[in-house]
Amino acid sequence: MWKIKPALTTEKVINDFDLYCNNCKYDLEGEYMITVDGISQITGLSREEVINRGLISFIEIEIRLAEMDIADVRERYNVLSKEDLYEAIKGRKIESHPAWEDYIVWKNKEKYIEDLKEQAKSVNDI
């Protein structure tokens, strides 16, 4: 859960936030905890819309991170595709260890991206 730390905000901002958000909660340290209901009230969006936008943002970030991992492997072995990496390993152009593990990671990241995109379609259909 995201938190707004009072040390990072001014007293006026905190007080203004209180005026807009009757649903604010405090954690054990007395810091504000942002809630879906609070964001909904501040933005005027429905709870469902706040949740859906949050899910889409999370999925987009996860896809970008997975793509960055794939780009790292691509750069590490100077290949354009996982098939090129596979052929380089099989042809002994590169050491098999840790290349095999990186190949498996690449395959898994592509599947992860595919699954996330499917979930994004489901969220968009709601």
Protein backbone atom coordinates (compact mmCIF):
# COMPACT_ATOMS: atom_id res chain seq x y z
CA MET A 1 0.00 0.00 0.00
CA TRP A 2 1.36 3.44 -0.92
CA LYS A 3 2.01 5.85 1.88
CA ILE A 4 2.42 9.59 2.00
CA LYS A 5 5.05 10.27 4.61
CA PRO A 6 4.44 13.48 6.57
CA ALA A 7 8.19 14.21 6.41
CA LEU A 8 7.83 14.55 2.63
CA THR A 9 4.79 16.83 2.72
CA THR A 10 3.89 20.16 4.25
CA GLU A 11 1.35 20.47 7.04
CA LYS A 12 -0.99 22.37 4.71
CA VAL A 13 -0.97 19.55 2.15
CA ILE A 14 -1.73 17.06 4.90
CA ASN A 15 -4.60 19.20 6.18
CA ASP A 16 -5.97 19.72 2.66
CA PHE A 17 -5.75 15.98 2.07
CA ASP A 18 -7.83 15.44 5.23
CA LEU A 19 -10.51 17.77 3.90
CA TYR A 20 -10.81 15.79 0.66
CA CYS A 21 -10.46 12.34 2.11
CA ASN A 22 -12.66 11.18 4.94
CA ASN A 23 -11.55 7.60 4.29
CA CYS A 24 -7.86 8.16 5.10
CA LYS A 25 -6.32 5.63 7.39
CA TYR A 26 -3.22 5.81 9.54
CA ASP A 27 -0.62 3.10 10.01
CA LEU A 28 1.07 2.34 13.30
CA GLU A 29 3.61 5.16 12.83
CA GLY A 30 0.82 7.70 12.30
CA GLU A 31 1.51 8.04 8.57
CA TYR A 32 -1.30 8.40 6.07
CA MET A 33 -2.13 5.31 4.10
CA ILE A 34 -3.70 5.92 0.72
CA THR A 35 -6.80 3.83 0.10
CA VAL A 36 -8.82 3.05 -3.00
CA ASP A 37 -11.77 4.86 -1.47
CA GLY A 38 -9.60 7.89 -0.73
CA ILE A 39 -8.25 8.06 -4.29
CA SER A 40 -11.77 7.53 -5.62
CA GLN A 41 -13.06 10.42 -3.56
CA ILE A 42 -10.20 12.74 -4.55
CA THR A 43 -10.33 11.95 -8.28
CA GLY A 44 -14.06 11.50 -8.64
CA LEU A 45 -13.50 8.10 -10.26
CA SER A 46 -15.43 5.05 -9.18
CA ARG A 47 -13.70 2.50 -6.96
CA GLU A 48 -13.75 0.05 -9.88
CA GLU A 49 -12.12 2.57 -12.22
CA VAL A 50 -9.36 3.30 -9.70
CA ILE A 51 -8.72 -0.43 -9.29
CA ASN A 52 -8.81 -1.08 -13.06
CA ARG A 53 -6.41 1.77 -13.79
CA GLY A 54 -4.12 0.52 -11.03
CA LEU A 55 -4.16 -2.99 -12.48
CA ILE A 56 -3.42 -1.73 -15.98
CA SER A 57 -0.54 0.41 -14.67
CA PHE A 58 0.87 -2.54 -12.74
CA ILE A 59 0.63 -4.79 -15.81
CA GLU A 60 2.30 -2.17 -18.02
CA ILE A 61 5.17 -1.80 -15.55
CA GLU A 62 5.63 -5.56 -15.27
CA ILE A 63 5.72 -5.89 -19.07
CA ARG A 64 8.33 -3.13 -19.34
CA LEU A 65 10.48 -4.77 -16.66
CA ALA A 66 10.27 -8.16 -18.39
CA GLU A 67 11.16 -6.54 -21.73
CA MET A 68 14.17 -4.89 -20.07
CA ASP A 69 15.29 -8.29 -18.76
CA ILE A 70 15.04 -9.71 -22.28
CA ALA A 71 16.97 -6.73 -23.65
CA ASP A 72 19.73 -7.40 -21.12
CA VAL A 73 20.07 -11.00 -22.32
CA ARG A 74 19.93 -9.89 -25.95
CA GLU A 75 22.74 -7.40 -25.30
CA ARG A 76 24.80 -9.81 -23.19
CA TYR A 77 25.02 -12.34 -26.04
CA ASN A 78 24.65 -9.92 -28.97
CA VAL A 79 21.66 -11.79 -30.42
CA LEU A 80 18.33 -10.59 -31.77
CA SER A 81 16.11 -13.50 -30.76
CA LYS A 82 15.99 -16.36 -28.32
CA GLU A 83 16.31 -18.68 -31.33
CA ASP A 84 19.61 -16.99 -32.22
CA LEU A 85 20.75 -17.54 -28.64
CA TYR A 86 19.72 -21.19 -28.82
CA GLU A 87 21.67 -21.69 -32.06
CA ALA A 88 24.74 -19.95 -30.63
CA ILE A 89 24.66 -22.28 -27.63
CA LYS A 90 24.13 -25.39 -29.74
CA GLY A 91 26.86 -24.33 -32.17
CA ARG A 92 29.22 -23.71 -29.23
CA LYS A 93 29.77 -20.11 -30.28
CA ILE A 94 29.13 -19.12 -26.67
CA GLU A 95 29.61 -20.93 -23.37
CA SER A 96 26.57 -22.96 -22.44
CA HIS A 97 26.68 -21.81 -18.85
CA PRO A 98 24.99 -19.44 -17.97
CA ALA A 99 23.60 -19.05 -21.50
CA TRP A 100 21.17 -21.96 -21.10
CA GLU A 101 19.76 -20.39 -17.96
CA ASP A 102 19.45 -17.05 -19.76
CA TYR A 103 17.69 -18.79 -22.65
CA ILE A 104 15.19 -20.31 -20.22
CA VAL A 105 14.69 -16.94 -18.52
CA TRP A 106 14.06 -15.37 -21.94
CA LYS A 107 11.42 -18.01 -22.79
CA ASN A 108 9.77 -17.56 -19.40
CA LYS A 109 9.76 -13.75 -19.72
CA GLU A 110 8.07 -13.98 -23.13
CA LYS A 111 5.40 -16.27 -21.66
CA TYR A 112 5.01 -13.90 -18.69
CA ILE A 113 4.51 -10.95 -21.06
CA GLU A 114 1.97 -12.92 -23.08
CA ASP A 115 0.04 -13.85 -19.92
CA LEU A 116 0.10 -10.26 -18.67
CA LYS A 117 -1.24 -8.98 -22.00
CA GLU A 118 -4.10 -11.47 -21.77
CA GLN A 119 -4.89 -10.25 -18.27
CA ALA A 120 -4.79 -6.64 -19.50
CA LYS A 121 -7.42 -7.51 -22.12
CA SER A 122 -9.60 -8.96 -19.36
CA VAL A 123 -9.23 -5.82 -17.24
CA ASN A 124 -10.07 -3.63 -20.23
CA ASP A 125 -13.21 -5.70 -20.87
CA ILE A 126 -14.55 -4.97 -17.38
